[in-house]
Amino acid sequence: MKKRPALVTAISWVLIASGAAGLAFHLTEFTTVDKLDYGLVSLVRALAMVAGGFMLRGSNWARWLSMLWIASHVIISAFHPVTELAIHILIFAVFAFVLFRSDAANYFRRAEKP
């Protein structure tokens, strides 16, 4: 299997870390928030960790899941201050640039072939 690009590794670990940190942070709110809201937030955090972990393994679907994950943050941040929206758009652009470069595309393509 072709070596994983360093930037793919970095984004994968950022997703895993942000998902884990988010879950830990929101555990403190478990008794004070609506259980449905807590469940949805936990699901979003878990999806980040799943995407990061499977991108480390070279799963192409995880690359798309990570793009969907950050795209959802862009949509949600459209209802927040404009600086938050700008930051999420910038992160989305970085994800897209890194995950769809030719070296990353080759990594994900070769990892899926038997």
PDB file of N, CA and C in Angstrom:
ATOM      1  N   MET A   1       0.849  -1.182   0.000  1.00  0.00           N
ATOM      2  CA  MET A   1       0.000   0.000   0.000  1.00  0.00           C
ATOM      3  C   MET A   1       0.891   1.241   0.000  1.00  0.00           C
ATOM      4  N   LYS A   2       0.448   2.239  -0.703  1.00  0.00           N
ATOM      5  CA  LYS A   2       1.178   3.490  -0.782  1.00  0.00           C
ATOM      6  C   LYS A   2       1.176   4.190   0.577  1.00  0.00           C
ATOM      7  N   LYS A   3       2.265   4.907   0.844  1.00  0.00           N
ATOM      8  CA  LYS A   3       2.384   5.616   2.111  1.00  0.00           C
ATOM      9  C   LYS A   3       1.324   6.719   2.208  1.00  0.00           C
ATOM     10  N   ARG A   4       0.764   6.854   3.411  1.00  0.00           N
ATOM     11  CA  ARG A   4      -0.262   7.869   3.660  1.00  0.00           C
ATOM     12  C   ARG A   4       0.382   9.253   3.656  1.00  0.00           C
ATOM     13  N   PRO A   5      -0.204  10.224   2.932  1.00  0.00           N
ATOM     14  CA  PRO A   5       0.314  11.593   2.958  1.00  0.00           C
ATOM     15  C   PRO A   5       0.237  12.185   4.373  1.00  0.00           C
ATOM     16  N   ALA A   6       1.245  12.937   4.738  1.00  0.00           N
ATOM     17  CA  ALA A   6       1.326  13.505   6.091  1.00  0.00           C
ATOM     18  C   ALA A   6       0.127  14.401   6.401  1.00  0.00           C
ATOM     19  N   LEU A   7      -0.354  15.154   5.433  1.00  0.00           N
ATOM     20  CA  LEU A   7      -1.485  16.039   5.697  1.00  0.00           C
ATOM     21  C   LEU A   7      -2.781  15.263   5.908  1.00  0.00           C
ATOM     22  N   VAL A   8      -2.914  14.116   5.262  1.00  0.00           N
ATOM     23  CA  VAL A   8      -4.080  13.260   5.510  1.00  0.00           C
ATOM     24  C   VAL A   8      -4.009  12.729   6.939  1.00  0.00           C
ATOM     25  N   THR A   9      -2.820  12.335   7.358  1.00  0.00           N
ATOM     26  CA  THR A   9      -2.624  11.883   8.736  1.00  0.00           C
ATOM     27  C   THR A   9      -2.994  12.982   9.716  1.00  0.00           C
ATOM     28  N   ALA A  10      -2.544  14.192   9.439  1.00  0.00           N
ATOM     29  CA  ALA A  10      -2.818  15.324  10.335  1.00  0.00           C
ATOM     30  C   ALA A  10      -4.319  15.591  10.447  1.00  0.00           C
ATOM     31  N   ILE A  11      -5.016  15.625   9.333  1.00  0.00           N
ATOM     32  CA  ILE A  11      -6.460  15.881   9.367  1.00  0.00           C
ATOM     33  C   ILE A  11      -7.180  14.742  10.072  1.00  0.00           C
ATOM     34  N   SER A  12      -6.737  13.526   9.842  1.00  0.00           N
ATOM     35  CA  SER A  12      -7.359  12.376  10.512  1.00  0.00           C
ATOM     36  C   SER A  12      -7.256  12.509  12.027  1.00  0.00           C
ATOM     37  N   TRP A  13      -6.075  12.849  12.517  1.00  0.00           N
ATOM     38  CA  TRP A  13      -5.884  12.983  13.964  1.00  0.00           C
ATOM     39  C   TRP A  13      -6.610  14.204  14.516  1.00  0.00           C
ATOM     40  N   VAL A  14      -6.732  15.261  13.730  1.00  0.00           N
ATOM     41  CA  VAL A  14      -7.514  16.429  14.171  1.00  0.00           C
ATOM     42  C   VAL A  14      -8.982  16.031  14.337  1.00  0.00           C
ATOM     43  N   LEU A  15      -9.502  15.248  13.401  1.00  0.00           N
ATOM     44  CA  LEU A  15     -10.890  14.780  13.515  1.00  0.00           C
ATOM     45  C   LEU A  15     -11.085  13.900  14.739  1.00  0.00           C
ATOM     46  N   ILE A  16     -10.169  12.975  14.954  1.00  0.00           N
ATOM     47  CA  ILE A  16     -10.270  12.087  16.119  1.00  0.00           C
ATOM     48  C   ILE A  16     -10.201  12.892  17.412  1.00  0.00           C
ATOM     49  N   ALA A  17      -9.248  13.806  17.487  1.00  0.00           N
ATOM     50  CA  ALA A  17      -9.071  14.606  18.707  1.00  0.00           C
ATOM     51  C   ALA A  17     -10.248  15.543  18.943  1.00  0.00           C
ATOM     52  N   SER A  18     -10.742  16.188  17.888  1.00  0.00           N
ATOM     53  CA  SER A  18     -11.856  17.115  18.082  1.00  0.00           C
ATOM     54  C   SER A  18     -13.132  16.361  18.448  1.00  0.00           C
ATOM     55  N   GLY A  19     -13.317  15.184  17.883  1.00  0.00           N
ATOM     56  CA  GLY A  19     -14.472  14.371  18.261  1.00  0.00           C
ATOM     57  C   GLY A  19     -14.405  13.933  19.702  1.00  0.00           C
ATOM     58  N   ALA A  20     -13.243  13.459  20.129  1.00  0.00           N
ATOM     59  CA  ALA A  20     -13.077  13.008  21.511  1.00  0.00           C
ATOM     60  C   ALA A  20     -13.203  14.169  22.494  1.00  0.00           C
ATOM     61  N   ALA A  21     -12.590  15.286  22.167  1.00  0.00           N
ATOM     62  CA  ALA A  21     -12.675  16.458  23.047  1.00  0.00           C
ATOM     63  C   ALA A  21     -14.112  16.960  23.132  1.00  0.00           C
ATOM     64  N   GLY A  22     -14.796  16.970  22.017  1.00  0.00           N
ATOM     65  CA  GLY A  22     -16.193  17.407  22.011  1.00  0.00           C
ATOM     66  C   GLY A  22     -17.083  16.498  22.833  1.00  0.00           C
ATOM     67  N   LEU A  23     -16.876  15.194  22.715  1.00  0.00           N
ATOM     68  CA  LEU A  23     -17.655  14.254  23.529  1.00  0.00           C
ATOM     69  C   LEU A  23     -17.384  14.470  25.013  1.00  0.00           C
ATOM     70  N   ALA A  24     -16.120  14.627  25.367  1.00  0.00           N
ATOM     71  CA  ALA A  24     -15.762  14.850  26.773  1.00  0.00           C
ATOM     72  C   ALA A  24     -16.370  16.149  27.285  1.00  0.00           C
ATOM     73  N   PHE A  25     -16.310  17.192  26.469  1.00  0.00           N
ATOM     74  CA  PHE A  25     -16.857  18.485  26.874  1.00  0.00           C
ATOM     75  C   PHE A  25     -18.367  18.395  27.084  1.00  0.00           C
ATOM     76  N   HIS A  26     -19.053  17.752  26.174  1.00  0.00           N
ATOM     77  CA  HIS A  26     -20.511  17.694  26.249  1.00  0.00           C
ATOM     78  C   HIS A  26     -21.021  16.712  27.297  1.00  0.00           C
ATOM     79  N   LEU A  27     -20.156  15.829  27.787  1.00  0.00           N
ATOM     80  CA  LEU A  27     -20.562  14.950  28.883  1.00  0.00           C
ATOM     81  C   LEU A  27     -20.960  15.753  30.118  1.00  0.00           C
ATOM     82  N   THR A  28     -20.323  16.906  30.316  1.00  0.00           N
ATOM     83  CA  THR A  28     -20.644  17.746  31.471  1.00  0.00           C
ATOM     84  C   THR A  28     -22.026  18.363  31.360  1.00  0.00           C
ATOM     85  N   GLU A  29     -22.571  18.425  30.143  1.00  0.00           N
ATOM     86  CA  GLU A  29     -23.877  19.030  29.922  1.00  0.00           C
ATOM     87  C   GLU A  29     -25.008  18.003  29.896  1.00  0.00           C
ATOM     88  N   PHE A  30     -24.690  16.740  30.088  1.00  0.00           N
ATOM     89  CA  PHE A  30     -25.667  15.676  29.895  1.00  0.00           C
ATOM     90  C   PHE A  30     -26.940  15.872  30.710  1.00  0.00           C
ATOM     91  N   THR A  31     -26.840  16.345  31.925  1.00  0.00           N
ATOM     92  CA  THR A  31     -28.029  16.494  32.769  1.00  0.00           C
ATOM     93  C   THR A  31     -28.759  17.810  32.545  1.00  0.00           C
ATOM     94  N   THR A  32     -28.127  18.759  31.839  1.00  0.00           N
ATOM     95  CA  THR A  32     -28.739  20.079  31.699  1.00  0.00           C
ATOM     96  C   THR A  32     -29.331  20.349  30.322  1.00  0.00           C
ATOM     97  N   VAL A  33     -29.107  19.466  29.371  1.00  0.00           N
ATOM     98  CA  VAL A  33     -29.621  19.714  28.018  1.00  0.00           C
ATOM     99  C   VAL A  33     -30.648  18.651  27.647  1.00  0.00           C
ATOM    100  N   ASP A  34     -31.388  18.962  26.618  1.00  0.00           N
ATOM    101  CA  ASP A  34     -32.356  18.022  26.065  1.00  0.00           C
ATOM    102  C   ASP A  34     -31.618  16.772  25.589  1.00  0.00           C
ATOM    103  N   LYS A  35     -32.123  15.622  25.917  1.00  0.00           N
ATOM    104  CA  LYS A  35     -31.455  14.363  25.576  1.00  0.00           C
ATOM    105  C   LYS A  35     -31.320  14.183  24.061  1.00  0.00           C
ATOM    106  N   LEU A  36     -32.303  14.647  23.295  1.00  0.00           N
ATOM    107  CA  LEU A  36     -32.213  14.549  21.841  1.00  0.00           C
ATOM    108  C   LEU A  36     -31.066  15.410  21.322  1.00  0.00           C
ATOM    109  N   ASP A  37     -30.967  16.637  21.822  1.00  0.00           N
ATOM    110  CA  ASP A  37     -29.862  17.508  21.421  1.00  0.00           C
ATOM    111  C   ASP A  37     -28.521  16.875  21.772  1.00  0.00           C
ATOM    112  N   TYR A  38     -28.438  16.332  22.973  1.00  0.00           N
ATOM    113  CA  TYR A  38     -27.204  15.691  23.420  1.00  0.00           C
ATOM    114  C   TYR A  38     -26.864  14.509  22.511  1.00  0.00           C
ATOM    115  N   GLY A  39     -27.875  13.746  22.149  1.00  0.00           N
ATOM    116  CA  GLY A  39     -27.650  12.603  21.271  1.00  0.00           C
ATOM    117  C   GLY A  39     -27.157  13.023  19.897  1.00  0.00           C
ATOM    118  N   LEU A  40     -27.734  14.082  19.351  1.00  0.00           N
ATOM    119  CA  LEU A  40     -27.315  14.561  18.036  1.00  0.00           C
ATOM    120  C   LEU A  40     -25.890  15.099  18.073  1.00  0.00           C
ATOM    121  N   VAL A  41     -25.571  15.859  19.107  1.00  0.00           N
ATOM    122  CA  VAL A  41     -24.219  16.398  19.246  1.00  0.00           C
ATOM    123  C   VAL A  41     -23.218  15.249  19.400  1.00  0.00           C
ATOM    124  N   SER A  42     -23.590  14.260  20.192  1.00  0.00           N
ATOM    125  CA  SER A  42     -22.704  13.104  20.391  1.00  0.00           C
ATOM    126  C   SER A  42     -22.504  12.341  19.088  1.00  0.00           C
ATOM    127  N   LEU A  43     -23.554  12.210  18.304  1.00  0.00           N
ATOM    128  CA  LEU A  43     -23.449  11.531  17.018  1.00  0.00           C
ATOM    129  C   LEU A  43     -22.486  12.269  16.090  1.00  0.00           C
ATOM    130  N   VAL A  44     -22.604  13.581  16.040  1.00  0.00           N
ATOM    131  CA  VAL A  44     -21.723  14.382  15.187  1.00  0.00           C
ATOM    132  C   VAL A  44     -20.274  14.219  15.627  1.00  0.00           C
ATOM    133  N   ARG A  45     -20.036  14.218  16.927  1.00  0.00           N
ATOM    134  CA  ARG A  45     -18.673  14.034  17.450  1.00  0.00           C
ATOM    135  C   ARG A  45     -18.153  12.634  17.137  1.00  0.00           C
ATOM    136  N   ALA A  46     -19.017  11.643  17.277  1.00  0.00           N
ATOM    137  CA  ALA A  46     -18.610  10.267  16.980  1.00  0.00           C
ATOM    138  C   ALA A  46     -18.293  10.107  15.485  1.00  0.00           C
ATOM    139  N   LEU A  47     -19.056  10.768  14.631  1.00  0.00           N
ATOM    140  CA  LEU A  47     -18.796  10.697  13.192  1.00  0.00           C
ATOM    141  C   LEU A  47     -17.420  11.264  12.854  1.00  0.00           C
ATOM    142  N   ALA A  48     -17.005  12.310  13.548  1.00  0.00           N
ATOM    143  CA  ALA A  48     -15.674  12.871  13.331  1.00  0.00           C
ATOM    144  C   ALA A  48     -14.605  11.837  13.665  1.00  0.00           C
ATOM    145  N   MET A  49     -14.785  11.141  14.784  1.00  0.00           N
ATOM    146  CA  MET A  49     -13.804  10.140  15.184  1.00  0.00           C
ATOM    147  C   MET A  49     -13.798   8.956  14.208  1.00  0.00           C
ATOM    148  N   VAL A  50     -14.961   8.543  13.748  1.00  0.00           N
ATOM    149  CA  VAL A  50     -15.048   7.447  12.780  1.00  0.00           C
ATOM    150  C   VAL A  50     -14.367   7.846  11.472  1.00  0.00           C
ATOM    151  N   ALA A  51     -14.663   9.042  10.988  1.00  0.00           N
ATOM    152  CA  ALA A  51     -14.053   9.513   9.742  1.00  0.00           C
ATOM    153  C   ALA A  51     -12.533   9.563   9.875  1.00  0.00           C
ATOM    154  N   GLY A  52     -12.051  10.118  10.967  1.00  0.00           N
ATOM    155  CA  GLY A  52     -10.605  10.204  11.172  1.00  0.00           C
ATOM    156  C   GLY A  52      -9.949   8.837  11.252  1.00  0.00           C
ATOM    157  N   GLY A  53     -10.546   7.950  12.008  1.00  0.00           N
ATOM    158  CA  GLY A  53      -9.970   6.618  12.157  1.00  0.00           C
ATOM    159  C   GLY A  53      -9.925   5.841  10.854  1.00  0.00           C
ATOM    160  N   PHE A  54     -10.992   5.894  10.092  1.00  0.00           N
ATOM    161  CA  PHE A  54     -11.020   5.143   8.842  1.00  0.00           C
ATOM    162  C   PHE A  54     -10.232   5.835   7.733  1.00  0.00           C
ATOM    163  N   MET A  55     -10.029   7.133   7.824  1.00  0.00           N
ATOM    164  CA  MET A  55      -9.134   7.779   6.856  1.00  0.00           C
ATOM    165  C   MET A  55      -7.702   7.305   7.093  1.00  0.00           C
ATOM    166  N   LEU A  56      -7.336   7.083   8.358  1.00  0.00           N
ATOM    167  CA  LEU A  56      -6.006   6.541   8.644  1.00  0.00           C
ATOM    168  C   LEU A  56      -5.823   5.169   7.996  1.00  0.00           C
ATOM    169  N   ARG A  57      -6.908   4.446   7.843  1.00  0.00           N
ATOM    170  CA  ARG A  57      -6.868   3.115   7.213  1.00  0.00           C
ATOM    171  C   ARG A  57      -6.999   3.181   5.702  1.00  0.00           C
ATOM    172  N   GLY A  58      -7.266   4.374   5.168  1.00  0.00           N
ATOM    173  CA  GLY A  58      -7.344   4.545   3.723  1.00  0.00           C
ATOM    174  C   GLY A  58      -8.721   4.369   3.119  1.00  0.00           C
ATOM    175  N   SER A  59      -9.761   4.412   3.916  1.00  0.00           N
ATOM    176  CA  SER A  59     -11.118   4.241   3.398  1.00  0.00           C
ATOM    177  C   SER A  59     -11.601   5.507   2.697  1.00  0.00           C
ATOM    178  N   ASN A  60     -11.919   5.374   1.428  1.00  0.00           N
ATOM    179  CA  ASN A  60     -12.355   6.523   0.637  1.00  0.00           C
ATOM    180  C   ASN A  60     -13.655   7.110   1.168  1.00  0.00           C
ATOM    181  N   TRP A  61     -14.584   6.250   1.621  1.00  0.00           N
ATOM    182  CA  TRP A  61     -15.855   6.761   2.144  1.00  0.00           C
ATOM    183  C   TRP A  61     -15.626   7.653   3.355  1.00  0.00           C
ATOM    184  N   ALA A  62     -14.575   7.413   4.124  1.00  0.00           N
ATOM    185  CA  ALA A  62     -14.287   8.233   5.294  1.00  0.00           C
ATOM    186  C   ALA A  62     -13.830   9.631   4.881  1.00  0.00           C
ATOM    187  N   ARG A  63     -13.161   9.727   3.749  1.00  0.00           N
ATOM    188  CA  ARG A  63     -12.771  11.042   3.217  1.00  0.00           C
ATOM    189  C   ARG A  63     -14.032  11.853   2.921  1.00  0.00           C
ATOM    190  N   TRP A  64     -15.020  11.205   2.315  1.00  0.00           N
ATOM    191  CA  TRP A  64     -16.270  11.895   2.006  1.00  0.00           C
ATOM    192  C   TRP A  64     -17.060  12.208   3.271  1.00  0.00           C
ATOM    193  N   LEU A  65     -17.021  11.315   4.242  1.00  0.00           N
ATOM    194  CA  LEU A  65     -17.688  11.578   5.520  1.00  0.00           C
ATOM    195  C   LEU A  65     -17.076  12.791   6.211  1.00  0.00           C
ATOM    196  N   SER A  66     -15.764  12.920   6.154  1.00  0.00           N
ATOM    197  CA  SER A  66     -15.128  14.078   6.783  1.00  0.00           C
ATOM    198  C   SER A  66     -15.529  15.375   6.083  1.00  0.00           C
ATOM    199  N   MET A  67     -15.692  15.323   4.765  1.00  0.00           N
ATOM    200  CA  MET A  67     -16.142  16.515   4.041  1.00  0.00           C
ATOM    201  C   MET A  67     -17.588  16.850   4.408  1.00  0.00           C
ATOM    202  N   LEU A  68     -18.416  15.838   4.535  1.00  0.00           N
ATOM    203  CA  LEU A  68     -19.799  16.051   4.965  1.00  0.00           C
ATOM    204  C   LEU A  68     -19.838  16.623   6.376  1.00  0.00           C
ATOM    205  N   TRP A  69     -18.965  16.123   7.241  1.00  0.00           N
ATOM    206  CA  TRP A  69     -18.897  16.585   8.629  1.00  0.00           C
ATOM    207  C   TRP A  69     -18.558  18.081   8.688  1.00  0.00           C
ATOM    208  N   ILE A  70     -17.537  18.499   7.964  1.00  0.00           N
ATOM    209  CA  ILE A  70     -17.154  19.915   8.017  1.00  0.00           C
ATOM    210  C   ILE A  70     -18.171  20.766   7.253  1.00  0.00           C
ATOM    211  N   ALA A  71     -18.780  20.232   6.207  1.00  0.00           N
ATOM    212  CA  ALA A  71     -19.822  20.980   5.481  1.00  0.00           C
ATOM    213  C   ALA A  71     -21.012  21.250   6.396  1.00  0.00           C
ATOM    214  N   SER A  72     -21.365  20.283   7.235  1.00  0.00           N
ATOM    215  CA  SER A  72     -22.472  20.516   8.172  1.00  0.00           C
ATOM    216  C   SER A  72     -22.131  21.630   9.150  1.00  0.00           C
ATOM    217  N   HIS A  73     -20.854  21.729   9.513  1.00  0.00           N
ATOM    218  CA  HIS A  73     -20.441  22.820  10.400  1.00  0.00           C
ATOM    219  C   HIS A  73     -20.542  24.179   9.700  1.00  0.00           C
ATOM    220  N   VAL A  74     -20.245  24.193   8.411  1.00  0.00           N
ATOM    221  CA  VAL A  74     -20.390  25.440   7.647  1.00  0.00           C
ATOM    222  C   VAL A  74     -21.861  25.860   7.635  1.00  0.00           C
ATOM    223  N   ILE A  75     -22.745  24.914   7.386  1.00  0.00           N
ATOM    224  CA  ILE A  75     -24.180  25.230   7.338  1.00  0.00           C
ATOM    225  C   ILE A  75     -24.675  25.716   8.696  1.00  0.00           C
ATOM    226  N   ILE A  76     -24.306  25.013   9.749  1.00  0.00           N
ATOM    227  CA  ILE A  76     -24.733  25.410  11.093  1.00  0.00           C
ATOM    228  C   ILE A  76     -24.171  26.773  11.469  1.00  0.00           C
ATOM    229  N   SER A  77     -22.919  27.032  11.103  1.00  0.00           N
ATOM    230  CA  SER A  77     -22.306  28.306  11.485  1.00  0.00           C
ATOM    231  C   SER A  77     -22.858  29.482  10.683  1.00  0.00           C
ATOM    232  N   ALA A  78     -23.650  29.209   9.652  1.00  0.00           N
ATOM    233  CA  ALA A  78     -24.300  30.297   8.915  1.00  0.00           C
ATOM    234  C   ALA A  78     -25.285  31.049   9.811  1.00  0.00           C
ATOM    235  N   PHE A  79     -25.717  30.405  10.882  1.00  0.00           N
ATOM    236  CA  PHE A  79     -26.650  31.025  11.827  1.00  0.00           C
ATOM    237  C   PHE A  79     -25.937  31.635  13.030  1.00  0.00           C
ATOM    238  N   HIS A  80     -24.625  31.650  13.002  1.00  0.00           N
ATOM    239  CA  HIS A  80     -23.804  32.196  14.088  1.00  0.00           C
ATOM    240  C   HIS A  80     -23.084  33.445  13.579  1.00  0.00           C
ATOM    241  N   PRO A  81     -22.240  34.059  14.401  1.00  0.00           N
ATOM    242  CA  PRO A  81     -21.502  35.237  13.929  1.00  0.00           C
ATOM    243  C   PRO A  81     -20.686  34.942  12.669  1.00  0.00           C
ATOM    244  N   VAL A  82     -20.518  35.956  11.854  1.00  0.00           N
ATOM    245  CA  VAL A  82     -19.868  35.800  10.547  1.00  0.00           C
ATOM    246  C   VAL A  82     -18.431  35.300  10.688  1.00  0.00           C
ATOM    247  N   THR A  83     -17.758  35.622  11.767  1.00  0.00           N
ATOM    248  CA  THR A  83     -16.385  35.133  11.945  1.00  0.00           C
ATOM    249  C   THR A  83     -16.357  33.611  12.082  1.00  0.00           C
ATOM    250  N   GLU A  84     -17.340  33.060  12.766  1.00  0.00           N
ATOM    251  CA  GLU A  84     -17.428  31.603  12.906  1.00  0.00           C
ATOM    252  C   GLU A  84     -17.677  30.959  11.554  1.00  0.00           C
ATOM    253  N   LEU A  85     -18.542  31.559  10.760  1.00  0.00           N
ATOM    254  CA  LEU A  85     -18.800  31.060   9.411  1.00  0.00           C
ATOM    255  C   LEU A  85     -17.522  31.100   8.579  1.00  0.00           C
ATOM    256  N   ALA A  86     -16.799  32.203   8.647  1.00  0.00           N
ATOM    257  CA  ALA A  86     -15.563  32.347   7.869  1.00  0.00           C
ATOM    258  C   ALA A  86     -14.530  31.296   8.268  1.00  0.00           C
ATOM    259  N   ILE A  87     -14.413  31.027   9.554  1.00  0.00           N
ATOM    260  CA  ILE A  87     -13.460  30.022  10.022  1.00  0.00           C
ATOM    261  C   ILE A  87     -13.838  28.641   9.500  1.00  0.00           C
ATOM    262  N   HIS A  88     -15.124  28.301   9.562  1.00  0.00           N
ATOM    263  CA  HIS A  88     -15.553  26.992   9.081  1.00  0.00           C
ATOM    264  C   HIS A  88     -15.389  26.863   7.562  1.00  0.00           C
ATOM    265  N   ILE A  89     -15.620  27.943   6.838  1.00  0.00           N
ATOM    266  CA  ILE A  89     -15.395  27.914   5.384  1.00  0.00           C
ATOM    267  C   ILE A  89     -13.913  27.692   5.091  1.00  0.00           C
ATOM    268  N   LEU A  90     -13.050  28.351   5.850  1.00  0.00           N
ATOM    269  CA  LEU A  90     -11.612  28.172   5.677  1.00  0.00           C
ATOM    270  C   LEU A  90     -11.204  26.724   5.980  1.00  0.00           C
ATOM    271  N   ILE A  91     -11.722  26.162   7.053  1.00  0.00           N
ATOM    272  CA  ILE A  91     -11.409  24.772   7.400  1.00  0.00           C
ATOM    273  C   ILE A  91     -11.922  23.830   6.311  1.00  0.00           C
ATOM    274  N   PHE A  92     -13.123  24.097   5.803  1.00  0.00           N
ATOM    275  CA  PHE A  92     -13.672  23.292   4.707  1.00  0.00           C
ATOM    276  C   PHE A  92     -12.733  23.334   3.502  1.00  0.00           C
ATOM    277  N   ALA A  93     -12.245  24.519   3.172  1.00  0.00           N
ATOM    278  CA  ALA A  93     -11.353  24.666   2.022  1.00  0.00           C
ATOM    279  C   ALA A  93     -10.043  23.901   2.238  1.00  0.00           C
ATOM    280  N   VAL A  94      -9.516  23.950   3.447  1.00  0.00           N
ATOM    281  CA  VAL A  94      -8.289  23.208   3.755  1.00  0.00           C
ATOM    282  C   VAL A  94      -8.537  21.705   3.631  1.00  0.00           C
ATOM    283  N   PHE A  95      -9.640  21.216   4.195  1.00  0.00           N
ATOM    284  CA  PHE A  95      -9.983  19.797   4.083  1.00  0.00           C
ATOM    285  C   PHE A  95     -10.060  19.403   2.606  1.00  0.00           C
ATOM    286  N   ALA A  96     -10.799  20.175   1.811  1.00  0.00           N
ATOM    287  CA  ALA A  96     -10.971  19.850   0.395  1.00  0.00           C
ATOM    288  C   ALA A  96      -9.630  19.849  -0.328  1.00  0.00           C
ATOM    289  N   PHE A  97      -8.810  20.851  -0.066  1.00  0.00           N
ATOM    290  CA  PHE A  97      -7.508  20.935  -0.720  1.00  0.00           C
ATOM    291  C   PHE A  97      -6.639  19.729  -0.371  1.00  0.00           C
ATOM    292  N   VAL A  98      -6.577  19.396   0.894  1.00  0.00           N
ATOM    293  CA  VAL A  98      -5.709  18.303   1.344  1.00  0.00           C
ATOM    294  C   VAL A  98      -6.248  16.943   0.906  1.00  0.00           C
ATOM    295  N   LEU A  99      -7.536  16.717   1.080  1.00  0.00           N
ATOM    296  CA  LEU A  99      -8.090  15.378   0.855  1.00  0.00           C
ATOM    297  C   LEU A  99      -8.320  15.035  -0.608  1.00  0.00           C
ATOM    298  N   PHE A 100      -8.281  16.038  -1.492  1.00  0.00           N
ATOM    299  CA  PHE A 100      -8.518  15.765  -2.897  1.00  0.00           C
ATOM    300  C   PHE A 100      -7.320  16.086  -3.782  1.00  0.00           C
ATOM    301  N   ARG A 101      -6.172  16.308  -3.154  1.00  0.00           N
ATOM    302  CA  ARG A 101      -4.931  16.445  -3.925  1.00  0.00           C
ATOM    303  C   ARG A 101      -4.614  15.105  -4.557  1.00  0.00           C
ATOM    304  N   SER A 102      -3.759  15.112  -5.549  1.00  0.00           N
ATOM    305  CA  SER A 102      -3.475  13.860  -6.269  1.00  0.00           C
ATOM    306  C   SER A 102      -2.830  12.811  -5.374  1.00  0.00           C
ATOM    307  N   ASP A 103      -1.942  13.220  -4.452  1.00  0.00           N
ATOM    308  CA  ASP A 103      -1.324  12.210  -3.583  1.00  0.00           C
ATOM    309  C   ASP A 103      -2.349  11.579  -2.646  1.00  0.00           C
ATOM    310  N   ALA A 104      -3.280  12.379  -2.140  1.00  0.00           N
ATOM    311  CA  ALA A 104      -4.332  11.843  -1.271  1.00  0.00           C
ATOM    312  C   ALA A 104      -5.290  10.973  -2.082  1.00  0.00           C
ATOM    313  N   ALA A 105      -5.647  11.428  -3.272  1.00  0.00           N
ATOM    314  CA  ALA A 105      -6.551  10.637  -4.112  1.00  0.00           C
ATOM    315  C   ALA A 105      -5.930   9.278  -4.437  1.00  0.00           C
ATOM    316  N   ASN A 106      -4.646   9.260  -4.719  1.00  0.00           N
ATOM    317  CA  ASN A 106      -3.959   7.992  -4.983  1.00  0.00           C
ATOM    318  C   ASN A 106      -3.939   7.105  -3.750  1.00  0.00           C
ATOM    319  N   TYR A 107      -3.715   7.705  -2.596  1.00  0.00           N
ATOM    320  CA  TYR A 107      -3.706   6.936  -1.343  1.00  0.00           C
ATOM    321  C   TYR A 107      -5.061   6.273  -1.109  1.00  0.00           C
ATOM    322  N   PHE A 108      -6.128   7.017  -1.236  1.00  0.00           N
ATOM    323  CA  PHE A 108      -7.457   6.463  -0.991  1.00  0.00           C
ATOM    324  C   PHE A 108      -7.850   5.460  -2.089  1.00  0.00           C
ATOM    325  N   ARG A 109      -7.443   5.708  -3.293  1.00  0.00           N
ATOM    326  CA  ARG A 109      -7.769   4.802  -4.398  1.00  0.00           C
ATOM    327  C   ARG A 109      -7.038   3.467  -4.233  1.00  0.00           C
ATOM    328  N   ARG A 110      -5.786   3.497  -3.911  1.00  0.00           N
ATOM    329  CA  ARG A 110      -5.003   2.268  -3.789  1.00  0.00           C
ATOM    330  C   ARG A 110      -5.336   1.491  -2.543  1.00  0.00           C
ATOM    331  N   ALA A 111      -5.744   2.178  -1.504  1.00  0.00           N
ATOM    332  CA  ALA A 111      -6.071   1.499  -0.249  1.00  0.00           C
ATOM    333  C   ALA A 111      -7.313   0.641  -0.397  1.00  0.00           C
ATOM    334  N   GLU A 112      -8.193   1.002  -1.310  1.00  0.00           N
ATOM    335  CA  GLU A 112      -9.458   0.261  -1.442  1.00  0.00           C
ATOM    336  C   GLU A 112      -9.330  -0.945  -2.365  1.00  0.00           C
ATOM    337  N   LYS A 113      -8.306  -1.005  -3.163  1.00  0.00           N
ATOM    338  CA  LYS A 113      -8.145  -2.148  -4.073  1.00  0.00           C
ATOM    339  C   LYS A 113      -7.555  -3.317  -3.274  1.00  0.00           C
ATOM    340  N   PRO A 114      -8.027  -4.540  -3.574  1.00  0.00           N
ATOM    341  CA  PRO A 114      -7.519  -5.711  -2.848  1.00  0.00           C
ATOM    342  C   PRO A 114      -6.080  -6.029  -3.171  1.00  0.00           C
TER     343      PRO A 114
END
